[in-house]
Amino acid sequence: MKNKINVALVCGGYSKEKEISIMGAESIEKHIPADRYRVFKIVVELHRWYYLAPDGSTQDVDKNNFTLPGVVFDVAYINIHGTPGENGLLQGYFDMLHIPYTTCDACTSALTFNKAFCNATLGYHGIRVAKSVHLVKNEKYDAEAIGKELGFPCFVKPACDGSSFGVSKVMKAEDLHDAIEKTFADAKEVLVERFVQGKEYSCGLMRLKGEVIVFPLAAIVPENDFFDYEAKYLGKSKEIVPAPVSDNLRLQMEDIAGKAYKILNCKGVVRCDFIVEESTQEPYFLEVNTTPGQSPESIVPKQIRHMGWTLEDLYDNVLQEALRSVPA
């Protein structure tokens, strides 16, 4: 009998999204085909990396070579939101150890994690993004001038973070400076972005055997004012798959998502988010998420089920694609 493939299912991380990462990993673990893979849930914390066994016991990972006693990993399934699994740090580590992994490479992960840099890259290639101003901590800025340039309301958000942590909607000029400073309390870079009035959509996609596969478009209907952390993870939104939009609008967003995937040289499963401006019906690219949520009710699993795949199909394909990417 052929030996099973050893999978390090890497979760946790150093950000506020640690618990969301672990929840998603629990779902992934249940759906990775057990007849082909041996899954080891590896929790990454700031001062300790360890294997969390099904019985709750733990065993430290040897970070010199990313092994456990008697276990060498064939592939790493990265399910960390935020640092160090979404910003390229963990990818660079695995590159040095020649361990294949399921996400974008270190360069693409770093670029896409910084919303300002990602938007600038995509904007350069003709993809429509909202007008914004990028600020760096301890550098001077003129809140009044920014307000005049972008108008109100506008959004203030960390340039490098996920799950809409720290995002605020600023309604008037006198509140902008305080909103920026509040965001700088937890972030080194801030993005102030023009408000686009419209409906939000999300498009998952992945590369498989050289072809970019686009998942069915999802419409996002948040209960809150925008698609924030509560809407994403605490049930404060409704995701409709497939999205009730015209074929023309759907094809536009699917085409843009595919172009962005290729421009950024993405790998693995990513999710591209859009907002369609109410007055013009033009889609604006919001962001790309290179480790999208994988809990059963997250957007990508819903899209996968609608297109006729099982989650077992998805994770098997993701792992096989990562293993195929290993240089000869």
Protein backbone atom coordinates (compact mmCIF):
# COMPACT_ATOMS: atom_id res chain seq x y z
CA MET A 1 0.00 0.00 0.00
CA LYS A 2 1.32 3.41 -0.97
CA ASN A 3 2.42 5.57 1.95
CA LYS A 4 0.16 8.44 2.83
CA ILE A 5 1.24 12.04 2.25
CA ASN A 6 2.17 13.90 5.44
CA VAL A 7 0.37 17.25 5.59
CA ALA A 8 1.22 20.01 8.05
CA LEU A 9 -2.03 21.93 8.46
CA VAL A 10 -0.60 25.21 9.70
CA CYS A 11 -2.91 27.53 11.65
CA GLY A 12 -2.91 30.09 14.45
CA GLY A 13 -0.54 32.96 13.82
CA TYR A 14 0.36 36.17 15.59
CA SER A 15 -2.62 38.36 14.67
CA LYS A 16 -6.10 38.94 16.07
CA GLU A 17 -7.35 36.38 13.56
CA LYS A 18 -5.68 33.44 15.31
CA GLU A 19 -8.91 31.84 16.55
CA ILE A 20 -10.58 32.21 13.13
CA SER A 21 -7.59 30.44 11.60
CA ILE A 22 -7.86 27.53 14.03
CA MET A 23 -11.62 27.23 13.46
CA GLY A 24 -11.06 27.04 9.72
CA ALA A 25 -8.31 24.45 10.16
CA GLU A 26 -10.70 22.22 12.10
CA SER A 27 -13.04 22.18 9.11
CA ILE A 28 -10.20 21.59 6.63
CA GLU A 29 -8.90 18.69 8.72
CA LYS A 30 -12.30 16.97 8.61
CA HIS A 31 -12.43 17.14 4.82
CA ILE A 32 -8.91 16.24 3.71
CA PRO A 33 -9.26 12.67 2.36
CA ALA A 34 -7.98 10.38 5.09
CA ASP A 35 -7.22 7.54 2.68
CA ARG A 36 -4.49 9.61 1.00
CA TYR A 37 -3.20 12.02 3.64
CA ARG A 38 -2.01 12.05 7.23
CA VAL A 39 -2.88 15.46 8.68
CA PHE A 40 -1.00 17.09 11.54
CA LYS A 41 -2.52 20.30 12.86
CA ILE A 42 0.39 22.64 13.58
CA VAL A 43 -0.41 25.69 15.70
CA VAL A 44 1.92 28.65 15.22
CA GLU A 45 2.23 31.03 18.17
CA LEU A 46 4.73 33.81 18.74
CA HIS A 47 6.89 31.82 21.15
CA ARG A 48 5.93 28.26 20.31
CA TRP A 49 5.06 26.11 17.29
CA TYR A 50 3.45 22.78 18.16
CA TYR A 51 1.46 19.82 16.91
CA LEU A 52 -2.02 19.72 18.44
CA ALA A 53 -3.10 16.09 18.50
CA PRO A 54 -6.77 14.99 18.34
CA ASP A 55 -6.59 14.04 22.04
CA GLY A 56 -5.48 17.58 22.96
CA SER A 57 -1.86 16.70 23.66
CA THR A 58 0.89 18.80 22.12
CA GLN A 59 4.38 18.28 20.75
CA ASP A 60 6.83 21.00 19.78
CA VAL A 61 7.90 21.41 16.17
CA ASP A 62 11.62 21.52 15.44
CA LYS A 63 11.79 24.91 13.68
CA ASN A 64 15.28 24.17 12.36
CA ASN A 65 13.78 21.80 9.77
CA PHE A 66 10.02 21.91 10.45
CA THR A 67 9.72 18.32 11.59
CA LEU A 68 8.24 16.31 14.43
CA PRO A 69 10.01 13.28 15.90
CA GLY A 70 9.68 10.60 13.23
CA VAL A 71 7.62 12.84 10.91
CA VAL A 72 8.87 14.67 7.83
CA PHE A 73 6.24 16.78 6.09
CA ASP A 74 5.61 16.44 2.37
CA VAL A 75 3.52 19.60 2.07
CA ALA A 76 2.21 22.46 4.21
CA TYR A 77 -1.41 23.60 4.02
CA ILE A 78 -1.22 27.21 5.23
CA ASN A 79 -4.42 28.47 6.85
CA ILE A 80 -3.10 31.45 8.81
CA HIS A 81 -4.85 34.78 8.37
CA GLY A 82 -2.52 37.72 8.94
CA THR A 83 1.09 37.38 10.01
CA PRO A 84 3.14 35.21 9.50
CA GLY A 85 1.09 33.05 7.11
CA GLU A 86 -0.48 35.62 4.81
CA ASN A 87 2.30 38.18 4.44
CA GLY A 88 5.05 35.99 3.00
CA LEU A 89 7.08 35.27 6.13
CA LEU A 90 6.04 31.63 6.46
CA GLN A 91 6.28 31.15 2.71
CA GLY A 92 9.89 32.34 2.73
CA TYR A 93 10.65 29.95 5.60
CA PHE A 94 9.19 27.00 3.69
CA ASP A 95 11.02 28.05 0.53
CA MET A 96 14.32 27.85 2.38
CA LEU A 97 13.44 24.36 3.64
CA HIS A 98 12.20 23.24 0.20
CA ILE A 99 8.78 22.32 1.59
CA PRO A 100 5.91 22.91 -0.88
CA TYR A 101 2.90 24.86 0.38
CA THR A 102 -0.62 25.65 -0.76
CA THR A 103 -0.66 29.46 -0.95
CA CYS A 104 0.87 32.20 -3.08
CA ASP A 105 4.65 32.50 -2.89
CA ALA A 106 6.51 34.85 -0.54
CA CYS A 107 6.65 37.77 -2.99
CA THR A 108 2.99 37.65 -3.98
CA SER A 109 1.86 37.12 -0.39
CA ALA A 110 3.80 40.18 0.79
CA LEU A 111 2.47 42.32 -2.06
CA THR A 112 -1.18 41.33 -1.69
CA PHE A 113 -1.09 41.67 2.10
CA ASN A 114 -0.37 45.38 1.70
CA LYS A 115 -3.61 46.79 0.26
CA ALA A 116 -1.93 50.01 -0.88
CA PHE A 117 0.80 48.20 -2.83
CA CYS A 118 -1.65 45.65 -4.25
CA ASN A 119 -4.07 48.35 -5.43
CA ALA A 120 -1.24 50.34 -6.97
CA THR A 121 -0.07 47.28 -8.90
CA LEU A 122 -3.52 46.39 -10.17
CA GLY A 123 -4.35 50.02 -10.94
CA TYR A 124 -1.21 50.24 -13.05
CA HIS A 125 -2.52 47.30 -15.09
CA GLY A 126 -5.86 49.00 -15.70
CA ILE A 127 -7.99 47.37 -13.02
CA ARG A 128 -10.40 49.86 -11.44
CA VAL A 129 -9.69 50.49 -7.74
CA ALA A 130 -11.06 53.14 -5.38
CA LYS A 131 -9.01 56.29 -5.00
CA SER A 132 -6.97 56.22 -1.79
CA VAL A 133 -4.15 57.78 0.21
CA HIS A 134 -1.41 55.62 1.78
CA LEU A 135 0.04 56.83 5.10
CA VAL A 136 3.05 55.57 7.05
CA LYS A 137 3.37 55.86 10.82
CA ASN A 138 5.44 58.78 12.14
CA GLU A 139 5.37 60.55 8.77
CA LYS A 140 3.47 63.84 8.53
CA TYR A 141 0.10 63.98 6.80
CA ASP A 142 -2.59 66.59 6.22
CA ALA A 143 -5.98 65.19 7.25
CA GLU A 144 -7.80 68.21 5.86
CA ALA A 145 -6.19 67.82 2.44
CA ILE A 146 -6.92 64.08 2.42
CA GLY A 147 -10.56 64.75 3.22
CA LYS A 148 -10.86 67.26 0.39
CA GLU A 149 -9.22 64.82 -2.04
CA LEU A 150 -11.34 61.77 -1.17
CA GLY A 151 -14.56 63.30 0.13
CA PHE A 152 -16.89 61.93 2.80
CA PRO A 153 -17.77 59.41 3.89
CA CYS A 154 -14.46 57.59 3.50
CA PHE A 155 -12.88 54.48 4.98
CA VAL A 156 -9.81 54.35 7.21
CA LYS A 157 -8.19 50.93 7.51
CA PRO A 158 -4.86 49.26 8.26
CA ALA A 159 -2.96 48.82 5.01
CA CYS A 160 -1.70 45.42 6.17
CA ASP A 161 -4.39 43.44 7.96
CA GLY A 162 -7.30 41.15 7.24
CA SER A 163 -10.87 40.47 8.33
CA SER A 164 -11.69 44.19 8.42
CA PHE A 165 -10.09 44.68 11.84
CA GLY A 166 -9.62 48.35 12.63
CA VAL A 167 -11.74 49.62 9.74
CA SER A 168 -13.79 52.74 10.38
CA LYS A 169 -16.20 54.68 8.22
CA VAL A 170 -15.61 58.41 8.67
CA MET A 171 -18.60 60.60 7.96
CA LYS A 172 -17.22 64.12 8.42
CA ALA A 173 -13.95 66.04 8.15
CA GLU A 174 -13.51 66.76 11.84
CA ASP A 175 -13.39 63.03 12.65
CA LEU A 176 -10.77 61.99 10.08
CA HIS A 177 -7.61 62.82 12.04
CA ASP A 178 -8.78 60.89 15.13
CA ALA A 179 -9.77 57.89 12.99
CA ILE A 180 -6.33 57.83 11.37
CA GLU A 181 -4.56 58.08 14.72
CA LYS A 182 -6.76 55.35 16.20
CA THR A 183 -5.79 53.05 13.34
CA PHE A 184 -2.10 53.94 13.72
CA ALA A 185 -2.30 52.72 17.34
CA ASP A 186 -2.32 49.15 15.98
CA ALA A 187 -0.89 49.55 12.47
CA LYS A 188 2.30 50.87 10.89
CA GLU A 189 0.58 51.79 7.63
CA VAL A 190 -2.88 53.21 7.03
CA LEU A 191 -5.04 53.40 3.93
CA VAL A 192 -7.66 56.14 3.61
CA GLU A 193 -10.01 55.16 0.81
CA ARG A 194 -12.83 56.86 -1.08
CA PHE A 195 -16.26 55.51 -0.24
CA VAL A 196 -17.98 53.71 -3.11
CA GLN A 197 -21.74 53.38 -2.66
CA GLY A 198 -22.86 50.00 -3.92
CA LYS A 199 -23.23 46.26 -3.42
CA GLU A 200 -20.37 43.89 -2.58
CA TYR A 201 -19.45 40.66 -4.34
CA SER A 202 -16.78 38.01 -3.94
CA CYS A 203 -15.14 35.68 -6.45
CA GLY A 204 -13.05 32.69 -5.40
CA LEU A 205 -10.63 31.09 -7.82
CA MET A 206 -7.65 28.77 -8.02
CA ARG A 207 -5.07 27.47 -10.48
CA LEU A 208 -5.36 23.79 -11.32
CA LYS A 209 -3.12 22.02 -13.85
CA GLY A 210 -2.26 25.30 -15.54
CA GLU A 211 -5.83 26.57 -15.78
CA VAL A 212 -7.35 29.29 -13.60
CA ILE A 213 -10.73 28.04 -12.36
CA VAL A 214 -13.21 30.73 -11.31
CA PHE A 215 -15.80 29.78 -8.68
CA PRO A 216 -19.44 30.97 -8.81
CA LEU A 217 -19.78 34.64 -7.85
CA ALA A 218 -21.18 35.40 -4.37
CA ALA A 219 -23.23 38.44 -3.38
CA ILE A 220 -22.53 39.78 0.12
CA VAL A 221 -25.37 41.36 2.06
CA PRO A 222 -24.00 42.57 5.44
CA GLU A 223 -26.30 43.44 8.32
CA ASN A 224 -23.78 46.04 9.43
CA ASP A 225 -22.84 49.19 7.51
CA PHE A 226 -20.11 47.33 5.62
CA PHE A 227 -18.50 43.87 5.39
CA ASP A 228 -16.62 44.08 8.69
CA TYR A 229 -15.31 41.42 11.09
CA GLU A 230 -18.76 40.66 12.53
CA ALA A 231 -20.21 40.31 9.07
CA LYS A 232 -17.41 38.00 7.94
CA TYR A 233 -17.18 35.70 10.94
CA LEU A 234 -20.02 36.25 13.40
CA GLY A 235 -22.97 35.66 11.12
CA LYS A 236 -23.77 39.33 10.52
CA SER A 237 -24.08 38.90 6.77
CA LYS A 238 -25.77 36.84 4.12
CA GLU A 239 -23.82 35.40 1.19
CA ILE A 240 -25.89 34.48 -1.84
CA VAL A 241 -24.39 31.95 -4.27
CA PRO A 242 -24.77 32.36 -7.17
CA ALA A 243 -25.04 36.14 -7.01
CA PRO A 244 -28.29 37.52 -8.46
CA VAL A 245 -26.66 39.75 -11.08
CA SER A 246 -26.78 40.06 -14.84
CA ASP A 247 -24.54 37.78 -16.88
CA ASN A 248 -22.67 40.83 -18.14
CA LEU A 249 -21.82 42.08 -14.64
CA ARG A 250 -20.91 38.59 -13.45
CA LEU A 251 -18.61 38.03 -16.40
CA GLN A 252 -16.95 41.41 -15.80
CA MET A 253 -16.05 40.52 -12.22
CA GLU A 254 -14.97 36.99 -13.10
CA ASP A 255 -12.75 38.39 -15.86
CA ILE A 256 -11.20 41.00 -13.55
CA ALA A 257 -10.59 38.36 -10.86
CA GLY A 258 -8.86 36.11 -13.37
CA LYS A 259 -6.69 38.97 -14.62
CA ALA A 260 -5.75 39.96 -11.07
CA TYR A 261 -4.84 36.35 -10.24
CA LYS A 262 -2.47 36.22 -13.21
CA ILE A 263 -1.03 39.74 -12.79
CA LEU A 264 -0.19 39.02 -9.16
CA ASN A 265 1.07 35.49 -9.98
CA CYS A 266 -1.24 33.93 -7.40
CA LYS A 267 -1.27 30.27 -6.45
CA GLY A 268 -3.71 28.18 -4.49
CA VAL A 269 -7.21 29.37 -3.58
CA VAL A 270 -7.72 33.13 -3.34
CA ARG A 271 -10.79 35.31 -3.04
CA CYS A 272 -11.21 38.63 -4.87
CA ASP A 273 -13.71 41.11 -3.43
CA PHE A 274 -15.53 43.80 -5.39
CA ILE A 275 -18.02 46.59 -4.93
CA VAL A 276 -20.28 47.61 -7.80
CA GLU A 277 -20.95 51.34 -7.74
CA GLU A 278 -24.65 52.00 -7.54
CA SER A 279 -24.74 54.99 -9.88
CA THR A 280 -22.51 53.64 -12.67
CA GLN A 281 -22.80 49.84 -12.24
CA GLU A 282 -19.02 49.68 -12.58
CA PRO A 283 -17.15 47.10 -10.46
CA TYR A 284 -14.30 48.33 -8.26
CA PHE A 285 -11.67 45.85 -7.07
CA LEU A 286 -11.47 45.96 -3.26
CA GLU A 287 -8.87 43.40 -2.23
CA VAL A 288 -7.47 39.93 -2.74
CA ASN A 289 -7.46 37.48 0.16
CA THR A 290 -4.80 34.80 -0.29
CA THR A 291 -5.95 32.65 2.65
CA PRO A 292 -9.75 32.96 2.48
CA GLY A 293 -11.89 31.60 5.30
CA GLN A 294 -12.57 27.86 5.26
CA SER A 295 -15.21 27.35 7.93
CA PRO A 296 -18.25 25.50 6.49
CA GLU A 297 -20.26 28.72 6.06
CA SER A 298 -17.41 30.81 4.63
CA ILE A 299 -17.76 32.14 1.11
CA VAL A 300 -15.37 29.80 -0.70
CA PRO A 301 -16.87 26.55 0.70
CA LYS A 302 -20.32 27.81 -0.33
CA GLN A 303 -19.05 28.53 -3.85
CA ILE A 304 -17.37 25.13 -4.06
CA ARG A 305 -20.54 23.27 -3.10
CA HIS A 306 -22.54 25.20 -5.67
CA MET A 307 -20.17 24.29 -8.49
CA GLY A 308 -20.63 20.60 -7.69
CA TRP A 309 -17.38 19.90 -5.85
CA THR A 310 -17.12 18.53 -2.35
CA LEU A 311 -14.70 20.05 0.14
CA GLU A 312 -12.76 16.79 -0.15
CA ASP A 313 -12.38 17.52 -3.87
CA LEU A 314 -11.20 21.06 -3.13
CA TYR A 315 -8.56 20.19 -0.55
CA ASP A 316 -7.28 17.21 -2.53
CA ASN A 317 -6.87 19.44 -5.60
CA VAL A 318 -5.19 22.19 -3.55
CA LEU A 319 -2.68 19.76 -2.05
CA GLN A 320 -1.96 18.01 -5.34
CA GLU A 321 -1.42 21.37 -7.05
CA ALA A 322 1.07 22.35 -4.33
CA LEU A 323 2.93 19.06 -4.73
CA ARG A 324 3.07 19.52 -8.52
CA SER A 325 4.71 22.92 -8.06
CA VAL A 326 7.84 21.40 -6.50
CA PRO A 327 10.86 22.04 -8.77
CA ALA A 328 12.30 18.89 -10.34
